[in-house]
Structures are given as C-alpha cells and as structure tokens.
Amino acid sequence: MDVDFGRLRMTAEQAGATVLGPVEQAGFLRSLGVEARRAALKASAAPEDAAAVDAAIDRLLDPAGMGTAFKAMAVAAPSCGPLPGFSP
C-alpha cells in the first residue's frame, strides 16, 4: 500500500500541525548519521557481522531500491522546532 503524502500533509496542516517532508529514506538516514552508526557497529563487530552491517545499510540506502522507494515525513506541533533529518 502506498501512502498518500499529499493528503496526509493537507489533513495534518488543516489540524494545525507542522509537516516536514516527505524526504527519501536515503537522505533522511544520512542526515541522521547512518554512516557514523555503520562505523560504530562495524568497529565492535566480528568480521562476518561487519559484512552483514554493510549489506543491511547498503540496502536501506540503495538509490535503486529502498533508498528512494521509501519516504519519511514528520507531523508535529508547531512548537516542536527543528526536527532531526528534515530541512525546514
């Protein structure tokens, strides 16, 4: 099932919420520091687990797959201020 982000935005804004996004998953995760997280996980992982970490994160960021197919959107109270992962 696809999300109707336009309708979601309209409904949230009509209710007085601030809406940020949608943004592609890859950009969202990168702005949250996924590469630093990858490095931290691999630093304490066994070699076979480090390869699995790479494969999993690469899958999440893949521009031909999940990196662009999945989106993130934030719906928040106007008083929340800037939200990590989203540009104002």
C-alpha atoms as a PDB file:
ATOM      1  CA  MET A   1       0.000   0.000   0.000  1.00  0.00           C
ATOM      2  CA  ASP A   2       1.309   3.449  -0.920  1.00  0.00           C
ATOM      3  CA  VAL A   3       0.988   6.434   1.373  1.00  0.00           C
ATOM      4  CA  ASP A   4      -0.842   9.480   0.026  1.00  0.00           C
ATOM      5  CA  PHE A   5       1.606  12.045   1.400  1.00  0.00           C
ATOM      6  CA  GLY A   6      -0.291  14.947  -0.156  1.00  0.00           C
ATOM      7  CA  ARG A   7      -3.498  14.007   1.606  1.00  0.00           C
ATOM      8  CA  LEU A   8      -1.661  13.324   4.856  1.00  0.00           C
ATOM      9  CA  ARG A   9       0.007  16.748   4.653  1.00  0.00           C
ATOM     10  CA  MET A  10      -3.268  18.515   3.891  1.00  0.00           C
ATOM     11  CA  THR A  11      -5.097  16.840   6.765  1.00  0.00           C
ATOM     12  CA  ALA A  12      -2.290  17.492   9.248  1.00  0.00           C
ATOM     13  CA  GLU A  13      -1.936  21.137   8.237  1.00  0.00           C
ATOM     14  CA  GLN A  14      -5.704  21.652   8.485  1.00  0.00           C
ATOM     15  CA  ALA A  15      -5.420  20.387  12.059  1.00  0.00           C
ATOM     16  CA  GLY A  16      -2.708  22.963  12.785  1.00  0.00           C
ATOM     17  CA  ALA A  17       0.306  20.668  12.627  1.00  0.00           C
ATOM     18  CA  THR A  18       3.658  21.393  11.060  1.00  0.00           C
ATOM     19  CA  VAL A  19       4.569  18.925   8.321  1.00  0.00           C
ATOM     20  CA  LEU A  20       8.093  18.260   7.094  1.00  0.00           C
ATOM     21  CA  GLY A  21       8.868  16.032   4.154  1.00  0.00           C
ATOM     22  CA  PRO A  22       8.367  13.672   2.625  1.00  0.00           C
ATOM     23  CA  VAL A  23      12.042  13.031   2.035  1.00  0.00           C
ATOM     24  CA  GLU A  24      13.710   9.976   0.559  1.00  0.00           C
ATOM     25  CA  GLN A  25      14.825   7.391   3.087  1.00  0.00           C
ATOM     26  CA  ALA A  26      18.479   7.523   1.996  1.00  0.00           C
ATOM     27  CA  GLY A  27      18.783  11.266   2.531  1.00  0.00           C
ATOM     28  CA  PHE A  28      16.866  11.081   5.788  1.00  0.00           C
ATOM     29  CA  LEU A  29      19.094   8.349   7.214  1.00  0.00           C
ATOM     30  CA  ARG A  30      22.263  10.087   6.033  1.00  0.00           C
ATOM     31  CA  SER A  31      21.212  13.324   7.727  1.00  0.00           C
ATOM     32  CA  LEU A  32      20.670  11.369  10.944  1.00  0.00           C
ATOM     33  CA  GLY A  33      24.215   9.989  10.768  1.00  0.00           C
ATOM     34  CA  VAL A  34      23.754   6.476   9.414  1.00  0.00           C
ATOM     35  CA  GLU A  35      27.366   6.362   8.208  1.00  0.00           C
ATOM     36  CA  ALA A  36      28.680   7.130  11.703  1.00  0.00           C
ATOM     37  CA  ARG A  37      26.363   4.436  13.050  1.00  0.00           C
ATOM     38  CA  ARG A  38      27.676   1.997  10.437  1.00  0.00           C
ATOM     39  CA  ALA A  39      31.260   2.698  11.536  1.00  0.00           C
ATOM     40  CA  ALA A  40      30.391   2.276  15.222  1.00  0.00           C
ATOM     41  CA  LEU A  41      28.615  -1.030  14.627  1.00  0.00           C
ATOM     42  CA  LYS A  42      31.432  -2.390  12.475  1.00  0.00           C
ATOM     43  CA  ALA A  43      34.107  -1.324  14.969  1.00  0.00           C
ATOM     44  CA  SER A  44      32.730  -3.687  17.591  1.00  0.00           C
ATOM     45  CA  ALA A  45      31.544  -6.453  15.256  1.00  0.00           C
ATOM     46  CA  ALA A  46      33.112  -9.742  14.243  1.00  0.00           C
ATOM     47  CA  PRO A  47      34.249  -9.702  10.586  1.00  0.00           C
ATOM     48  CA  GLU A  48      31.268 -11.732   9.389  1.00  0.00           C
ATOM     49  CA  ASP A  49      28.916  -9.405  11.253  1.00  0.00           C
ATOM     50  CA  ALA A  50      30.614  -6.319   9.805  1.00  0.00           C
ATOM     51  CA  ALA A  51      29.778  -7.565   6.319  1.00  0.00           C
ATOM     52  CA  ALA A  52      26.149  -8.021   7.368  1.00  0.00           C
ATOM     53  CA  VAL A  53      26.064  -4.453   8.723  1.00  0.00           C
ATOM     54  CA  ASP A  54      27.352  -3.164   5.383  1.00  0.00           C
ATOM     55  CA  ALA A  55      24.807  -5.201   3.440  1.00  0.00           C
ATOM     56  CA  ALA A  56      21.900  -4.042   5.606  1.00  0.00           C
ATOM     57  CA  ILE A  57      22.808  -0.355   5.485  1.00  0.00           C
ATOM     58  CA  ASP A  58      23.587  -0.510   1.775  1.00  0.00           C
ATOM     59  CA  ARG A  59      20.116  -1.979   1.238  1.00  0.00           C
ATOM     60  CA  LEU A  60      18.491   0.855   3.204  1.00  0.00           C
ATOM     61  CA  LEU A  61      20.391   3.481   1.180  1.00  0.00           C
ATOM     62  CA  ASP A  62      20.235   1.855  -2.271  1.00  0.00           C
ATOM     63  CA  PRO A  63      19.126   4.515  -4.795  1.00  0.00           C
ATOM     64  CA  ALA A  64      17.643   1.774  -6.981  1.00  0.00           C
ATOM     65  CA  GLY A  65      15.636   0.332  -4.083  1.00  0.00           C
ATOM     66  CA  MET A  66      14.740   1.265  -0.546  1.00  0.00           C
ATOM     67  CA  GLY A  67      16.778   4.474  -0.537  1.00  0.00           C
ATOM     68  CA  THR A  68      14.329   6.171  -2.884  1.00  0.00           C
ATOM     69  CA  ALA A  69      11.262   3.917  -2.686  1.00  0.00           C
ATOM     70  CA  PHE A  70      10.666   4.662   0.989  1.00  0.00           C
ATOM     71  CA  LYS A  71       9.997   8.122   2.364  1.00  0.00           C
ATOM     72  CA  ALA A  72       9.929   9.815   5.759  1.00  0.00           C
ATOM     73  CA  MET A  73       7.536  12.536   6.882  1.00  0.00           C
ATOM     74  CA  ALA A  74       7.219  14.319  10.209  1.00  0.00           C
ATOM     75  CA  VAL A  75       3.955  15.629  11.626  1.00  0.00           C
ATOM     76  CA  ALA A  76       4.481  17.719  14.741  1.00  0.00           C
ATOM     77  CA  ALA A  77       3.140  20.545  16.831  1.00  0.00           C
ATOM     78  CA  PRO A  78       4.345  23.937  15.552  1.00  0.00           C
ATOM     79  CA  SER A  79       6.143  24.463  18.867  1.00  0.00           C
ATOM     80  CA  CYS A  80       8.442  21.454  18.306  1.00  0.00           C
ATOM     81  CA  GLY A  81      11.056  23.430  16.414  1.00  0.00           C
ATOM     82  CA  PRO A  82      13.561  21.845  14.025  1.00  0.00           C
ATOM     83  CA  LEU A  83      13.353  18.077  13.702  1.00  0.00           C
ATOM     84  CA  PRO A  84      16.423  15.920  13.005  1.00  0.00           C
ATOM     85  CA  GLY A  85      16.508  14.537   9.495  1.00  0.00           C
ATOM     86  CA  PHE A  86      14.418  17.301   7.946  1.00  0.00           C
ATOM     87  CA  SER A  87      15.385  20.651   6.443  1.00  0.00           C
ATOM     88  CA  PRO A  88      12.999  23.490   7.264  1.00  0.00           C
END
